[in-house]
Amino acid sequence: MAAAAAEGLPAPRPEEPVRDDAAVETAEEAKEPAEADINELCRDMFSKMATYLTGELTATSEDYKLLENMNKLTSLKYLEMKDIAINISRNLKDLNQKYAGLQPYLDQINIIEEQVAALEQAAYKLDAYSKKLGNHFYFFQFEAKYKKLEKR
């Protein structure tokens, strides 16, 4: 090979396998589509892109509308809860005022309860004392009857 190149002859090609022309596909030269076809394809592409973008924007718009509705409902719920809290607060103040009005009566009830407990203790002591006296009384009665019988 180097000798052939030195003599100015083209270098021999390595042997290529023999091909059957029927099995080989021939490449056709790529042809540029006609100008009208390119314009039609561009219009079709832009139309489809516009449809896609319109869909995307519509979906986003619907999402924002949904969020807006959710925010409105949440705001209404918070207003309802605020009204409920105000009513509860007002009722609690009313109850506290009523309790304050009842407090003197409750204090009197506590004092009466203490007095009743003291009176009950006094009654138990009196009962015990009367039993002692009763025992002594019966004893004295018995003694008096005994003396009377003795005198006879």
N, C-alpha and C. Protein backbone atom coordinates (compact mmCIF):
# COMPACT_ATOMS: atom_id res chain seq x y z
N MET A 1 0.81 -1.18 0.00
CA MET A 1 0.00 0.00 0.00
C MET A 1 0.85 1.24 0.00
N ALA A 2 1.86 1.23 0.84
CA ALA A 2 2.72 2.41 0.87
C ALA A 2 3.44 2.57 -0.46
N ALA A 3 3.78 1.48 -1.15
CA ALA A 3 4.45 1.54 -2.43
C ALA A 3 3.53 2.12 -3.47
N ALA A 4 2.28 1.76 -3.44
CA ALA A 4 1.32 2.27 -4.41
C ALA A 4 1.10 3.75 -4.18
N ALA A 5 1.13 4.20 -2.99
CA ALA A 5 0.93 5.61 -2.69
C ALA A 5 2.14 6.39 -3.14
N ALA A 6 3.33 5.79 -3.05
CA ALA A 6 4.53 6.47 -3.46
C ALA A 6 4.58 6.61 -4.97
N GLU A 7 4.04 5.70 -5.72
CA GLU A 7 4.04 5.78 -7.17
C GLU A 7 2.95 6.69 -7.67
N GLY A 8 2.10 7.17 -6.80
CA GLY A 8 1.06 8.08 -7.23
C GLY A 8 -0.21 7.36 -7.63
N LEU A 9 -0.26 6.08 -7.42
CA LEU A 9 -1.46 5.33 -7.72
C LEU A 9 -2.39 5.38 -6.52
N PRO A 10 -3.66 5.32 -6.78
CA PRO A 10 -4.57 5.31 -5.61
C PRO A 10 -4.41 4.02 -4.83
N ALA A 11 -4.57 4.16 -3.55
CA ALA A 11 -4.42 3.01 -2.65
C ALA A 11 -5.59 2.06 -2.88
N PRO A 12 -5.27 0.79 -2.95
CA PRO A 12 -6.35 -0.15 -3.16
C PRO A 12 -7.27 -0.19 -1.94
N ARG A 13 -8.53 -0.34 -2.22
CA ARG A 13 -9.51 -0.40 -1.12
C ARG A 13 -9.53 -1.80 -0.54
N PRO A 14 -9.79 -1.84 0.76
CA PRO A 14 -9.93 -3.18 1.33
C PRO A 14 -11.14 -3.83 0.68
N GLU A 15 -11.11 -5.08 0.63
CA GLU A 15 -12.18 -5.75 -0.08
C GLU A 15 -13.48 -5.60 0.66
N GLU A 16 -14.52 -5.25 -0.09
CA GLU A 16 -15.85 -5.11 0.47
C GLU A 16 -16.61 -6.37 0.13
N PRO A 17 -17.52 -6.74 1.01
CA PRO A 17 -18.31 -7.93 0.70
C PRO A 17 -19.20 -7.67 -0.49
N VAL A 18 -19.43 -8.67 -1.21
CA VAL A 18 -20.25 -8.55 -2.41
C VAL A 18 -21.70 -8.47 -1.97
N ARG A 19 -22.42 -7.51 -2.53
CA ARG A 19 -23.82 -7.32 -2.16
C ARG A 19 -24.71 -7.69 -3.33
N ASP A 20 -25.88 -8.15 -2.90
CA ASP A 20 -26.90 -8.45 -3.88
C ASP A 20 -27.70 -7.17 -4.06
N ASP A 21 -27.81 -6.69 -5.28
CA ASP A 21 -28.52 -5.43 -5.53
C ASP A 21 -29.98 -5.50 -5.12
N ALA A 22 -30.59 -6.63 -5.11
CA ALA A 22 -32.00 -6.74 -4.75
C ALA A 22 -32.19 -6.49 -3.26
N ALA A 23 -31.22 -6.83 -2.45
CA ALA A 23 -31.34 -6.68 -1.00
C ALA A 23 -30.97 -5.28 -0.55
N VAL A 24 -30.31 -4.52 -1.35
CA VAL A 24 -29.86 -3.19 -0.96
C VAL A 24 -30.94 -2.18 -1.30
N GLU A 25 -31.25 -1.35 -0.32
CA GLU A 25 -32.21 -0.30 -0.58
C GLU A 25 -31.46 0.91 -1.06
N THR A 26 -32.06 1.61 -1.94
CA THR A 26 -31.41 2.81 -2.43
C THR A 26 -32.01 4.00 -1.72
N ALA A 27 -31.18 4.90 -1.38
CA ALA A 27 -31.66 6.10 -0.69
C ALA A 27 -32.07 7.10 -1.73
N GLU A 28 -33.23 7.67 -1.46
CA GLU A 28 -33.65 8.73 -2.37
C GLU A 28 -33.18 10.04 -1.80
N GLU A 29 -32.98 10.92 -2.63
CA GLU A 29 -32.52 12.23 -2.19
C GLU A 29 -33.66 12.91 -1.43
N ALA A 30 -33.32 13.46 -0.26
CA ALA A 30 -34.35 14.13 0.54
C ALA A 30 -34.80 15.36 -0.20
N LYS A 31 -36.08 15.45 -0.31
CA LYS A 31 -36.62 16.61 -1.03
C LYS A 31 -37.23 17.56 -0.02
N GLU A 32 -37.05 18.78 -0.19
CA GLU A 32 -37.67 19.81 0.65
C GLU A 32 -39.15 19.83 0.30
N PRO A 33 -40.03 19.90 1.34
CA PRO A 33 -41.46 19.98 1.01
C PRO A 33 -41.74 21.30 0.33
N ALA A 34 -42.77 21.29 -0.40
CA ALA A 34 -43.14 22.50 -1.13
C ALA A 34 -43.49 23.60 -0.14
N GLU A 35 -43.39 24.84 -0.57
CA GLU A 35 -43.66 26.00 0.28
C GLU A 35 -45.08 25.96 0.84
N ALA A 36 -46.03 25.53 0.07
CA ALA A 36 -47.41 25.46 0.52
C ALA A 36 -47.55 24.44 1.64
N ASP A 37 -46.84 23.32 1.52
CA ASP A 37 -46.89 22.29 2.57
C ASP A 37 -46.31 22.83 3.88
N ILE A 38 -45.22 23.56 3.83
CA ILE A 38 -44.59 24.14 5.03
C ILE A 38 -45.56 25.12 5.69
N ASN A 39 -46.18 25.96 4.91
CA ASN A 39 -47.12 26.92 5.47
C ASN A 39 -48.29 26.20 6.15
N GLU A 40 -48.80 25.17 5.50
CA GLU A 40 -49.92 24.41 6.07
C GLU A 40 -49.50 23.72 7.37
N LEU A 41 -48.31 23.13 7.39
CA LEU A 41 -47.81 22.47 8.59
C LEU A 41 -47.61 23.48 9.72
N CYS A 42 -47.10 24.66 9.40
CA CYS A 42 -46.92 25.72 10.42
C CYS A 42 -48.27 26.16 10.98
N ARG A 43 -49.24 26.37 10.09
CA ARG A 43 -50.56 26.76 10.55
C ARG A 43 -51.14 25.69 11.47
N ASP A 44 -51.00 24.43 11.08
CA ASP A 44 -51.51 23.32 11.89
C ASP A 44 -50.81 23.28 13.25
N MET A 45 -49.48 23.46 13.25
CA MET A 45 -48.71 23.44 14.50
C MET A 45 -49.16 24.59 15.40
N PHE A 46 -49.28 25.79 14.85
CA PHE A 46 -49.69 26.94 15.66
C PHE A 46 -51.12 26.78 16.17
N SER A 47 -51.98 26.20 15.36
CA SER A 47 -53.36 25.96 15.79
C SER A 47 -53.40 24.98 16.96
N LYS A 48 -52.63 23.91 16.84
CA LYS A 48 -52.60 22.92 17.93
C LYS A 48 -51.93 23.49 19.18
N MET A 49 -50.90 24.28 19.00
CA MET A 49 -50.24 24.93 20.14
C MET A 49 -51.19 25.90 20.83
N ALA A 50 -51.96 26.64 20.03
CA ALA A 50 -52.94 27.58 20.59
C ALA A 50 -54.00 26.82 21.38
N THR A 51 -54.45 25.70 20.84
CA THR A 51 -55.45 24.88 21.55
C THR A 51 -54.88 24.37 22.86
N TYR A 52 -53.64 23.90 22.83
CA TYR A 52 -52.98 23.40 24.03
C TYR A 52 -52.85 24.51 25.08
N LEU A 53 -52.32 25.66 24.65
CA LEU A 53 -52.12 26.76 25.59
C LEU A 53 -53.45 27.28 26.13
N THR A 54 -54.48 27.30 25.26
CA THR A 54 -55.81 27.72 25.73
C THR A 54 -56.30 26.76 26.80
N GLY A 55 -56.11 25.48 26.61
CA GLY A 55 -56.50 24.48 27.61
C GLY A 55 -55.76 24.66 28.92
N GLU A 56 -54.45 24.89 28.83
CA GLU A 56 -53.64 25.11 30.02
C GLU A 56 -54.10 26.35 30.77
N LEU A 57 -54.32 27.43 30.05
CA LEU A 57 -54.75 28.68 30.68
C LEU A 57 -56.15 28.54 31.27
N THR A 58 -57.02 27.81 30.58
CA THR A 58 -58.36 27.59 31.09
C THR A 58 -58.30 26.78 32.39
N ALA A 59 -57.47 25.75 32.41
CA ALA A 59 -57.32 24.93 33.63
C ALA A 59 -56.79 25.77 34.78
N THR A 60 -55.81 26.60 34.50
CA THR A 60 -55.25 27.47 35.54
C THR A 60 -56.30 28.46 36.03
N SER A 61 -57.06 29.01 35.09
CA SER A 61 -58.12 29.95 35.45
C SER A 61 -59.16 29.26 36.33
N GLU A 62 -59.52 28.04 35.98
CA GLU A 62 -60.50 27.29 36.78
C GLU A 62 -59.95 26.99 38.17
N ASP A 63 -58.66 26.68 38.24
CA ASP A 63 -58.04 26.45 39.54
C ASP A 63 -58.14 27.70 40.41
N TYR A 64 -57.86 28.86 39.83
CA TYR A 64 -57.94 30.11 40.59
C TYR A 64 -59.38 30.42 41.01
N LYS A 65 -60.34 30.10 40.15
CA LYS A 65 -61.75 30.30 40.51
C LYS A 65 -62.13 29.40 41.69
N LEU A 66 -61.66 28.16 41.63
CA LEU A 66 -61.92 27.23 42.72
C LEU A 66 -61.32 27.73 44.02
N LEU A 67 -60.07 28.19 43.96
CA LEU A 67 -59.43 28.74 45.15
C LEU A 67 -60.19 29.96 45.68
N GLU A 68 -60.66 30.79 44.78
CA GLU A 68 -61.41 31.98 45.18
C GLU A 68 -62.70 31.56 45.90
N ASN A 69 -63.40 30.57 45.36
CA ASN A 69 -64.63 30.09 46.00
C ASN A 69 -64.33 29.47 47.36
N MET A 70 -63.25 28.71 47.43
CA MET A 70 -62.87 28.11 48.71
C MET A 70 -62.54 29.19 49.73
N ASN A 71 -61.85 30.24 49.31
CA ASN A 71 -61.51 31.34 50.22
C ASN A 71 -62.77 32.05 50.70
N LYS A 72 -63.74 32.24 49.79
CA LYS A 72 -65.00 32.89 50.18
C LYS A 72 -65.74 32.05 51.22
N LEU A 73 -65.82 30.74 50.96
CA LEU A 73 -66.51 29.85 51.90
C LEU A 73 -65.81 29.82 53.25
N THR A 74 -64.49 29.78 53.21
CA THR A 74 -63.72 29.79 54.46
C THR A 74 -63.96 31.08 55.22
N SER A 75 -63.99 32.19 54.51
CA SER A 75 -64.25 33.48 55.14
C SER A 75 -65.63 33.50 55.78
N LEU A 76 -66.63 32.95 55.09
CA LEU A 76 -67.98 32.89 55.66
C LEU A 76 -68.01 32.01 56.91
N LYS A 77 -67.31 30.88 56.86
CA LYS A 77 -67.26 29.99 58.01
C LYS A 77 -66.62 30.71 59.20
N TYR A 78 -65.54 31.45 58.95
CA TYR A 78 -64.88 32.18 60.03
C TYR A 78 -65.79 33.27 60.59
N LEU A 79 -66.58 33.90 59.75
CA LEU A 79 -67.54 34.90 60.24
C LEU A 79 -68.59 34.23 61.12
N GLU A 80 -69.09 33.07 60.70
CA GLU A 80 -70.05 32.33 61.52
C GLU A 80 -69.44 31.95 62.86
N MET A 81 -68.20 31.48 62.82
CA MET A 81 -67.52 31.09 64.06
C MET A 81 -67.31 32.32 64.95
N LYS A 82 -67.03 33.45 64.35
CA LYS A 82 -66.85 34.68 65.12
C LYS A 82 -68.17 35.05 65.82
N ASP A 83 -69.29 34.95 65.08
CA ASP A 83 -70.59 35.25 65.68
C ASP A 83 -70.90 34.29 66.82
N ILE A 84 -70.60 33.03 66.63
CA ILE A 84 -70.82 32.04 67.69
C ILE A 84 -69.98 32.38 68.92
N ALA A 85 -68.72 32.73 68.68
CA ALA A 85 -67.83 33.07 69.80
C ALA A 85 -68.34 34.31 70.54
N ILE A 86 -68.85 35.29 69.80
CA ILE A 86 -69.40 36.51 70.43
C ILE A 86 -70.61 36.14 71.28
N ASN A 87 -71.49 35.28 70.75
CA ASN A 87 -72.67 34.85 71.51
C ASN A 87 -72.27 34.09 72.76
N ILE A 88 -71.29 33.21 72.63
CA ILE A 88 -70.82 32.45 73.80
C ILE A 88 -70.25 33.41 74.84
N SER A 89 -69.48 34.37 74.41
CA SER A 89 -68.89 35.35 75.32
C SER A 89 -69.98 36.14 76.04
N ARG A 90 -70.98 36.57 75.29
CA ARG A 90 -72.08 37.33 75.87
C ARG A 90 -72.84 36.48 76.89
N ASN A 91 -73.13 35.22 76.54
CA ASN A 91 -73.84 34.33 77.46
C ASN A 91 -73.01 34.05 78.71
N LEU A 92 -71.71 33.92 78.54
CA LEU A 92 -70.83 33.68 79.68
C LEU A 92 -70.85 34.89 80.62
N LYS A 93 -70.83 36.09 80.07
CA LYS A 93 -70.91 37.29 80.91
C LYS A 93 -72.23 37.32 81.66
N ASP A 94 -73.33 36.98 80.98
CA ASP A 94 -74.64 36.94 81.63
C ASP A 94 -74.65 35.93 82.78
N LEU A 95 -74.09 34.74 82.53
CA LEU A 95 -74.04 33.73 83.58
C LEU A 95 -73.20 34.18 84.77
N ASN A 96 -72.09 34.83 84.47
CA ASN A 96 -71.24 35.33 85.56
C ASN A 96 -71.97 36.38 86.39
N GLN A 97 -72.73 37.25 85.72
CA GLN A 97 -73.51 38.26 86.45
C GLN A 97 -74.59 37.60 87.30
N LYS A 98 -75.27 36.59 86.75
CA LYS A 98 -76.31 35.89 87.51
C LYS A 98 -75.69 35.17 88.71
N TYR A 99 -74.52 34.57 88.50
CA TYR A 99 -73.84 33.88 89.59
C TYR A 99 -73.45 34.88 90.67
N ALA A 100 -72.96 36.04 90.25
CA ALA A 100 -72.60 37.08 91.22
C ALA A 100 -73.85 37.52 91.99
N GLY A 101 -75.02 37.60 91.34
CA GLY A 101 -76.26 37.95 92.02
C GLY A 101 -76.70 36.87 93.00
N LEU A 102 -76.40 35.62 92.69
CA LEU A 102 -76.78 34.51 93.57
C LEU A 102 -75.77 34.28 94.70
N GLN A 103 -74.60 34.85 94.59
CA GLN A 103 -73.54 34.58 95.56
C GLN A 103 -73.95 34.87 97.01
N PRO A 104 -74.64 36.00 97.31
CA PRO A 104 -75.05 36.21 98.71
C PRO A 104 -75.98 35.09 99.21
N TYR A 105 -76.87 34.63 98.36
CA TYR A 105 -77.76 33.54 98.76
C TYR A 105 -76.98 32.24 98.99
N LEU A 106 -76.00 32.01 98.12
CA LEU A 106 -75.17 30.81 98.29
C LEU A 106 -74.38 30.89 99.59
N ASP A 107 -73.89 32.09 99.93
CA ASP A 107 -73.18 32.27 101.20
C ASP A 107 -74.12 31.99 102.38
N GLN A 108 -75.36 32.49 102.29
CA GLN A 108 -76.34 32.24 103.36
C GLN A 108 -76.63 30.74 103.50
N ILE A 109 -76.72 30.06 102.35
CA ILE A 109 -76.95 28.61 102.38
C ILE A 109 -75.80 27.91 103.09
N ASN A 110 -74.58 28.34 102.81
CA ASN A 110 -73.41 27.74 103.46
C ASN A 110 -73.45 27.98 104.97
N ILE A 111 -73.82 29.19 105.38
CA ILE A 111 -73.90 29.51 106.80
C ILE A 111 -74.98 28.66 107.47
N ILE A 112 -76.15 28.55 106.81
CA ILE A 112 -77.25 27.74 107.36
C ILE A 112 -76.81 26.28 107.47
N GLU A 113 -76.09 25.80 106.48
CA GLU A 113 -75.62 24.42 106.51
C GLU A 113 -74.69 24.19 107.69
N GLU A 114 -73.81 25.15 107.96
CA GLU A 114 -72.91 25.03 109.11
C GLU A 114 -73.71 25.05 110.41
N GLN A 115 -74.72 25.92 110.47
CA GLN A 115 -75.54 26.00 111.67
C GLN A 115 -76.33 24.72 111.88
N VAL A 116 -76.85 24.14 110.81
CA VAL A 116 -77.59 22.89 110.91
C VAL A 116 -76.67 21.79 111.42
N ALA A 117 -75.44 21.75 110.92
CA ALA A 117 -74.48 20.73 111.38
C ALA A 117 -74.20 20.92 112.87
N ALA A 118 -74.03 22.16 113.32
CA ALA A 118 -73.79 22.42 114.74
C ALA A 118 -75.01 22.04 115.57
N LEU A 119 -76.20 22.37 115.06
CA LEU A 119 -77.44 22.02 115.76
C LEU A 119 -77.60 20.51 115.86
N GLU A 120 -77.22 19.81 114.80
CA GLU A 120 -77.31 18.35 114.81
C GLU A 120 -76.38 17.76 115.87
N GLN A 121 -75.19 18.31 115.98
CA GLN A 121 -74.25 17.85 117.01
C GLN A 121 -74.80 18.13 118.41
N ALA A 122 -75.40 19.31 118.55
CA ALA A 122 -76.00 19.64 119.84
C ALA A 122 -77.15 18.68 120.16
N ALA A 123 -77.94 18.33 119.14
CA ALA A 123 -79.05 17.39 119.35
C ALA A 123 -78.53 16.02 119.77
N TYR A 124 -77.42 15.57 119.16
CA TYR A 124 -76.84 14.29 119.56
C TYR A 124 -76.35 14.34 121.01
N LYS A 125 -75.72 15.45 121.37
CA LYS A 125 -75.24 15.60 122.75
C LYS A 125 -76.41 15.64 123.73
N LEU A 126 -77.47 16.37 123.36
CA LEU A 126 -78.66 16.46 124.21
C LEU A 126 -79.32 15.10 124.36
N ASP A 127 -79.36 14.34 123.27
CA ASP A 127 -79.94 13.01 123.32
C ASP A 127 -79.14 12.11 124.25
N ALA A 128 -77.82 12.18 124.13
CA ALA A 128 -76.97 11.37 125.00
C ALA A 128 -77.17 11.78 126.46
N TYR A 129 -77.26 13.07 126.72
CA TYR A 129 -77.44 13.57 128.09
C TYR A 129 -78.80 13.15 128.63
N SER A 130 -79.82 13.25 127.77
CA SER A 130 -81.16 12.86 128.23
C SER A 130 -81.23 11.37 128.53
N LYS A 131 -80.49 10.57 127.79
CA LYS A 131 -80.45 9.13 128.08
C LYS A 131 -79.80 8.89 129.43
N LYS A 132 -78.74 9.67 129.70
CA LYS A 132 -78.10 9.53 131.00
C LYS A 132 -79.08 9.93 132.10
N LEU A 133 -79.75 11.06 131.87
CA LEU A 133 -80.73 11.51 132.86
C LEU A 133 -81.85 10.50 133.00
N GLY A 134 -82.30 9.95 131.92
CA GLY A 134 -83.36 8.94 131.96
C GLY A 134 -82.93 7.74 132.76
N ASN A 135 -81.73 7.32 132.55
CA ASN A 135 -81.21 6.19 133.31
C ASN A 135 -81.18 6.54 134.80
N HIS A 136 -80.72 7.76 135.10
CA HIS A 136 -80.67 8.20 136.49
C HIS A 136 -82.10 8.34 137.03
N PHE A 137 -83.00 8.85 136.20
CA PHE A 137 -84.39 9.05 136.64
C PHE A 137 -85.03 7.71 136.97
N TYR A 138 -84.82 6.73 136.10
CA TYR A 138 -85.38 5.41 136.35
C TYR A 138 -84.76 4.79 137.60
N PHE A 139 -83.44 5.08 137.73
CA PHE A 139 -82.77 4.57 138.90
C PHE A 139 -83.37 5.19 140.16
N PHE A 140 -83.62 6.50 140.12
CA PHE A 140 -84.20 7.19 141.28
C PHE A 140 -85.63 6.71 141.51
N GLN A 141 -86.37 6.50 140.48
CA GLN A 141 -87.73 5.99 140.61
C GLN A 141 -87.71 4.60 141.25
N PHE A 142 -86.81 3.79 140.74
CA PHE A 142 -86.69 2.45 141.27
C PHE A 142 -86.29 2.50 142.74
N GLU A 143 -85.37 3.39 143.04
CA GLU A 143 -84.91 3.53 144.43
C GLU A 143 -86.06 4.01 145.32
N ALA A 144 -86.84 4.95 144.78
CA ALA A 144 -87.96 5.47 145.57
C ALA A 144 -88.98 4.36 145.80
N LYS A 145 -89.28 3.56 144.81
CA LYS A 145 -90.22 2.45 144.97
C LYS A 145 -89.66 1.43 145.96
N TYR A 146 -88.38 1.19 145.87
CA TYR A 146 -87.75 0.24 146.76
C TYR A 146 -87.84 0.72 148.21
N LYS A 147 -87.59 1.98 148.43
CA LYS A 147 -87.66 2.56 149.77
C LYS A 147 -89.09 2.51 150.27
N LYS A 148 -90.00 2.75 149.40
CA LYS A 148 -91.41 2.71 149.76
C LYS A 148 -91.80 1.29 150.17
N LEU A 149 -91.32 0.35 149.46
CA LEU A 149 -91.62 -1.03 149.80
C LEU A 149 -90.91 -1.41 151.10
N GLU A 150 -89.79 -0.89 151.29
CA GLU A 150 -89.05 -1.17 152.50
C GLU A 150 -89.78 -0.63 153.72
N LYS A 151 -90.39 0.49 153.57
CA LYS A 151 -91.10 1.12 154.66
C LYS A 151 -92.33 0.30 154.99
N ARG A 152 -92.89 -0.37 154.17
CA ARG A 152 -94.10 -1.12 154.42
C ARG A 152 -93.74 -2.33 155.13
